[in-house]
């Protein structure tokens, strides 16, 4: 009997000692819970998209709890999420600037051509690895729908080799921006403003060879803008949404019709 009881007691004693050590260690090394951050995390959509500028919903919740961020940065959550966060923080109502994703390219099959035949994986990212993609414009949309594949809201449609985004459906999760290997998708405020639908940075003569609508950097839009919202950088026009008043003069003078008006 003693031959069985003694080993059992030894094992039990070791287990009890280990349990005590673990209990003491957990008490000493315990990280205090941030109840406010946990409460905020509950009202966030859980998309973990990073559109707020933080690593995910937990990072944004922690920053809000510490006062290091402002409510209203969560695009997928919208006004309801911003209001709920503001109530938990006691900051009052917060204005949310609605944004939408925008594809800075108009190079459909009607405007560009393929420089080679591609029989590989039907993916923009895969195609881009092969000599920069199949399109004659090395800056243009591949049209294989990597952005549409990651959009959970059905806001992106690929037609005639071009991706287009429906602002009414876009929730601003930013997954499409990360999926585009050409970096053609950005976020702009959803208001009446002019937007440049091109990303080509080649000289005008080279752009005209590969695309019928590509920006040639002529500068007519910049001269027409009375508020200094338009700049031509690397042979491509750029419009500052903060300065644009939506007058449409730049779009009117654009010889390539690559500047369009975005409505709220």
Protein backbone atom coordinates (compact mmCIF):
# COMPACT_ATOMS: atom_id res chain seq x y z
CA UNK A 1 0.00 0.00 0.00
CA UNK A 2 2.83 2.40 0.92
CA UNK A 3 4.45 1.71 -2.45
CA UNK A 4 1.39 3.20 -4.16
CA UNK A 5 0.47 5.94 -1.66
CA UNK A 6 3.90 7.58 -1.43
CA UNK A 7 4.31 8.19 -5.21
CA UNK A 8 0.73 9.50 -5.35
CA UNK A 9 1.42 11.94 -2.52
CA UNK A 10 4.67 13.06 -4.17
CA UNK A 11 2.91 13.75 -7.50
CA UNK A 12 0.07 15.49 -5.69
CA UNK A 13 2.54 17.63 -3.75
CA UNK A 14 4.39 18.61 -6.92
CA UNK A 15 1.09 19.50 -8.58
CA UNK A 16 0.01 21.59 -5.60
CA UNK A 17 3.36 23.42 -5.51
CA UNK A 18 3.22 24.09 -9.25
CA UNK A 19 -0.33 25.39 -8.89
CA UNK A 20 0.71 27.78 -6.13
CA UNK A 21 3.67 29.03 -8.18
CA UNK A 22 1.45 29.61 -11.24
CA UNK A 23 -1.17 31.40 -9.14
CA UNK A 24 1.43 33.72 -7.63
CA UNK A 25 3.03 34.35 -11.03
CA UNK A 26 -0.33 35.17 -12.63
CA UNK A 27 -1.11 37.61 -9.82
CA UNK A 28 2.27 39.33 -10.14
CA UNK A 29 2.34 39.43 -13.95
CA UNK A 30 -1.36 40.15 -14.48
CA UNK A 31 -2.15 42.91 -16.97
CA UNK A 32 -4.97 45.12 -15.71
CA UNK A 33 -8.03 45.05 -17.97
CA UNK A 34 -9.14 48.22 -19.65
CA UNK A 35 -12.89 47.95 -19.20
CA UNK A 36 -13.53 51.07 -21.25
CA UNK A 37 -11.52 49.69 -24.17
CA UNK A 38 -13.39 46.39 -23.96
CA UNK A 39 -16.72 48.23 -23.99
CA UNK A 40 -15.66 50.25 -27.04
CA UNK A 41 -14.47 47.10 -28.78
CA UNK A 42 -17.96 45.66 -28.40
CA UNK A 43 -19.52 48.48 -30.46
CA UNK A 44 -16.88 48.44 -33.22
CA UNK A 45 -17.78 46.35 -36.30
CA UNK A 46 -14.83 43.97 -35.94
CA UNK A 47 -13.71 44.38 -39.55
CA UNK A 48 -10.06 44.87 -38.50
CA UNK A 49 -9.54 46.70 -41.79
CA UNK A 50 -7.16 49.39 -40.55
CA UNK A 51 -9.12 52.23 -42.19
CA UNK A 52 -8.98 54.09 -38.87
CA UNK A 53 -5.19 54.20 -39.04
CA UNK A 54 -4.64 51.60 -36.33
CA UNK A 55 -3.71 47.92 -36.54
CA UNK A 56 -7.29 46.79 -36.00
CA UNK A 57 -10.42 47.27 -33.92
CA UNK A 58 -8.64 46.38 -30.67
CA UNK A 59 -5.88 48.90 -31.39
CA UNK A 60 -8.41 51.62 -32.18
CA UNK A 61 -10.42 50.79 -29.03
CA UNK A 62 -7.30 51.03 -26.88
CA UNK A 63 -6.34 54.37 -28.45
CA UNK A 64 -9.85 55.75 -27.87
CA UNK A 65 -9.78 54.64 -24.26
CA UNK A 66 -6.44 56.41 -23.70
CA UNK A 67 -7.58 59.57 -25.45
CA UNK A 68 -5.10 59.06 -28.28
CA UNK A 69 -7.72 58.96 -31.04
CA UNK A 70 -11.01 60.58 -31.91
CA UNK A 71 -14.35 58.81 -32.42
CA UNK A 72 -15.56 58.75 -35.99
CA UNK A 73 -12.50 57.22 -37.64
CA UNK A 74 -14.23 53.88 -38.21
CA UNK A 75 -15.57 54.06 -41.75
CA UNK A 76 -17.34 50.66 -41.78
CA UNK A 77 -19.11 51.51 -38.53
CA UNK A 78 -20.37 54.84 -39.80
CA UNK A 79 -22.33 57.36 -37.74
CA UNK A 80 -23.94 54.75 -35.47
CA UNK A 81 -20.55 53.43 -34.36
CA UNK A 82 -19.14 56.94 -33.88
CA UNK A 83 -22.14 57.91 -31.75
CA UNK A 84 -21.83 54.77 -29.60
CA UNK A 85 -18.11 55.38 -29.06
CA UNK A 86 -18.73 59.02 -28.19
CA UNK A 87 -21.34 58.03 -25.61
CA UNK A 88 -18.92 55.61 -23.94
CA UNK A 89 -16.21 58.27 -23.89
CA UNK A 90 -18.57 61.05 -22.85
CA UNK A 91 -17.40 63.36 -25.62
CA UNK A 92 -20.79 64.13 -27.13
CA UNK A 93 -21.80 63.80 -30.77
CA UNK A 94 -19.03 63.51 -33.32
CA UNK A 95 -19.30 64.49 -36.97
CA UNK A 96 -18.30 61.69 -39.33
CA UNK A 97 -16.87 62.56 -42.73
CA UNK A 98 -18.15 59.99 -45.17
CA UNK A 99 -15.53 58.66 -47.56
CA UNK A 100 -15.55 56.35 -50.53
CA UNK A 101 -12.93 54.34 -52.33
CA UNK A 102 -12.01 55.62 -55.79
CA UNK A 103 -10.21 53.90 -58.65
CA UNK A 104 -7.71 56.30 -60.22
CA UNK A 105 -7.87 54.77 -63.67
CA UNK A 106 -10.22 54.85 -66.67
CA UNK A 107 -8.19 52.56 -68.91
CA UNK A 108 -10.82 50.06 -70.01
CA UNK A 109 -10.33 47.71 -72.95
CA UNK A 110 -11.70 50.48 -75.17
CA UNK A 111 -8.89 52.82 -74.17
CA UNK A 112 -5.87 50.54 -73.76
CA UNK A 113 -4.58 47.30 -75.19
CA UNK A 114 -2.76 44.24 -73.90
CA UNK A 115 0.96 44.08 -74.55
CA UNK A 116 1.05 40.29 -74.32
CA UNK A 117 -1.09 37.19 -73.97
CA UNK A 118 -1.47 36.04 -70.38
CA UNK A 119 -2.49 32.46 -69.52
CA UNK A 120 -1.55 32.49 -65.84
CA UNK A 121 -3.51 32.82 -62.61
CA UNK A 122 -6.53 35.07 -62.97
CA UNK A 123 -5.26 37.59 -60.45
CA UNK A 124 -4.07 41.19 -60.66
CA UNK A 125 -1.27 40.50 -58.21
CA UNK A 126 -0.06 37.47 -60.18
CA UNK A 127 -0.28 39.27 -63.51
CA UNK A 128 1.66 42.26 -62.18
CA UNK A 129 4.59 40.02 -61.29
CA UNK A 130 5.01 39.26 -64.99
CA UNK A 131 6.60 42.34 -66.58
CA UNK A 132 4.31 44.70 -64.66
CA UNK A 133 1.10 43.20 -65.97
CA UNK A 134 -0.55 42.58 -69.31
CA UNK A 135 -1.82 46.09 -69.93
CA UNK A 136 0.02 48.42 -72.27
CA UNK A 137 -0.15 51.01 -69.48
CA UNK A 138 2.10 49.92 -66.65
CA UNK A 139 0.16 52.10 -64.21
CA UNK A 140 -3.32 50.93 -65.23
CA UNK A 141 -5.97 48.64 -63.79
CA UNK A 142 -5.43 44.93 -64.51
CA UNK A 143 -9.18 44.29 -64.49
CA UNK A 144 -8.97 40.82 -62.90
CA UNK A 145 -10.91 41.76 -59.80
CA UNK A 146 -8.60 41.29 -56.82
CA UNK A 147 -10.32 44.33 -55.27
CA UNK A 148 -13.82 42.97 -55.96
CA UNK A 149 -12.87 39.62 -54.43
CA UNK A 150 -12.08 41.17 -51.04
CA UNK A 151 -15.03 43.58 -50.94
CA UNK A 152 -17.63 42.21 -48.52
CA UNK A 153 -20.27 44.79 -49.46
CA UNK A 154 -20.57 44.22 -53.20
CA UNK A 155 -19.43 47.76 -53.92
CA UNK A 156 -16.94 46.88 -56.66
CA UNK A 157 -17.78 45.80 -60.17
CA UNK A 158 -15.28 44.85 -62.88
CA UNK A 159 -16.52 45.50 -66.40
CA UNK A 160 -14.64 45.81 -69.69
CA UNK A 161 -11.32 45.43 -67.92
CA UNK A 162 -11.97 48.21 -65.40
CA UNK A 163 -12.89 48.18 -61.72
CA UNK A 164 -15.52 50.67 -60.62
CA UNK A 165 -16.79 51.41 -57.11
CA UNK A 166 -20.34 52.29 -56.09
CA UNK A 167 -20.07 55.03 -53.42
CA UNK A 168 -23.54 54.14 -52.12
CA UNK A 169 -22.34 50.63 -51.19
CA UNK A 170 -18.76 51.42 -50.15
CA UNK A 171 -18.26 51.18 -46.38
CA UNK A 172 -14.67 52.40 -46.35
CA UNK A 173 -13.11 49.21 -45.02
CA UNK A 174 -9.93 49.80 -47.12
CA UNK A 175 -9.53 46.15 -48.05
CA UNK A 176 -9.63 47.02 -51.73
CA UNK A 177 -6.78 49.50 -51.35
CA UNK A 178 -4.60 46.78 -49.86
CA UNK A 179 -5.60 44.28 -52.55
CA UNK A 180 -4.73 46.49 -55.53
CA UNK A 181 -1.12 45.71 -56.57
CA UNK A 182 -0.92 48.96 -58.55
CA UNK A 183 -2.06 51.17 -55.67
CA UNK A 184 -4.80 52.68 -57.83
CA UNK A 185 -7.47 52.85 -55.14
CA UNK A 186 -7.57 55.63 -52.56
CA UNK A 187 -10.13 57.14 -50.22
CA UNK A 188 -11.70 60.51 -50.90
CA UNK A 189 -14.38 62.46 -49.02
CA UNK A 190 -17.86 61.71 -50.35
CA UNK A 191 -18.71 65.24 -51.45
CA UNK A 192 -19.09 67.19 -54.67
CA UNK A 193 -15.56 67.48 -55.97
CA UNK A 194 -13.33 66.87 -58.96
CA UNK A 195 -11.26 63.70 -59.08
CA UNK A 196 -8.48 62.59 -61.43
CA UNK A 197 -9.12 59.11 -62.78
CA UNK A 198 -5.55 58.42 -63.84
CA UNK A 199 -2.27 57.42 -62.19
CA UNK A 200 0.07 57.43 -65.18
CA UNK A 201 3.33 59.24 -64.41
CA UNK A 202 4.93 58.98 -67.85
CA UNK A 203 5.42 61.98 -70.11
CA UNK A 204 2.42 62.99 -72.17
CA UNK A 205 3.74 61.58 -75.44
CA UNK A 206 4.35 58.17 -73.86
CA UNK A 207 0.96 58.16 -72.15
CA UNK A 208 -0.83 58.90 -75.43
CA UNK A 209 0.78 55.81 -76.97
CA UNK A 210 -0.70 53.43 -74.41
CA UNK A 211 -4.01 55.03 -73.34
CA UNK A 212 -6.66 57.13 -75.04
CA UNK A 213 -7.73 58.87 -71.82
CA UNK A 214 -4.56 59.00 -69.71
CA UNK A 215 -3.47 62.28 -68.12
CA UNK A 216 -0.74 63.97 -70.19
CA UNK A 217 0.20 66.56 -67.57
CA UNK A 218 -0.71 69.51 -69.79
CA UNK A 219 -1.55 71.69 -66.79
CA UNK A 220 -4.77 73.17 -68.20
CA UNK A 221 -6.68 71.97 -65.14
CA UNK A 222 -4.19 73.64 -62.82
CA UNK A 223 -4.51 76.94 -64.67
CA UNK A 224 -8.32 76.76 -64.61
CA UNK A 225 -8.51 76.13 -60.86
CA UNK A 226 -9.08 79.37 -58.99
CA UNK A 227 -8.49 77.95 -55.51
CA UNK A 228 -5.16 76.19 -56.06
CA UNK A 229 -6.56 72.69 -55.54
CA UNK A 230 -4.88 71.18 -58.61
CA UNK A 231 -1.19 70.38 -58.97
CA UNK A 232 0.64 68.49 -61.68
CA UNK A 233 3.23 66.14 -60.21
CA UNK A 234 5.23 63.64 -62.27
CA UNK A 235 3.20 64.49 -65.38
CA UNK A 236 -0.09 63.63 -63.66
CA UNK A 237 -2.67 65.98 -62.17
CA UNK A 238 -3.50 65.68 -58.46
CA UNK A 239 -6.45 67.35 -56.73
CA UNK A 240 -6.52 68.25 -53.04
CA UNK A 241 -10.00 67.33 -51.71
CA UNK A 242 -9.61 69.81 -48.86
CA UNK A 243 -9.26 72.71 -51.29
CA UNK A 244 -11.59 71.59 -54.09
CA UNK A 245 -14.90 73.47 -54.12
CA UNK A 246 -16.49 71.31 -56.79
CA UNK A 247 -16.82 74.05 -59.42
CA UNK A 248 -15.95 71.63 -62.23
CA UNK A 249 -13.80 74.05 -64.22
CA UNK A 250 -10.84 71.68 -64.28
CA UNK A 251 -13.03 68.90 -65.67
CA UNK A 252 -14.33 71.22 -68.39
CA UNK A 253 -10.88 72.09 -69.74
CA UNK A 254 -9.32 68.62 -69.50
CA UNK A 255 -8.56 67.56 -73.09
CA UNK A 256 -8.45 63.89 -72.10
CA UNK A 257 -11.67 63.99 -70.03
CA UNK A 258 -9.85 62.14 -67.27
CA UNK A 259 -11.13 64.53 -64.59
CA UNK A 260 -14.67 63.71 -63.49
CA UNK A 261 -17.02 65.08 -60.87
CA UNK A 262 -17.85 63.07 -57.77
CA UNK A 263 -21.24 63.80 -56.20
CA UNK A 264 -22.14 63.38 -52.56
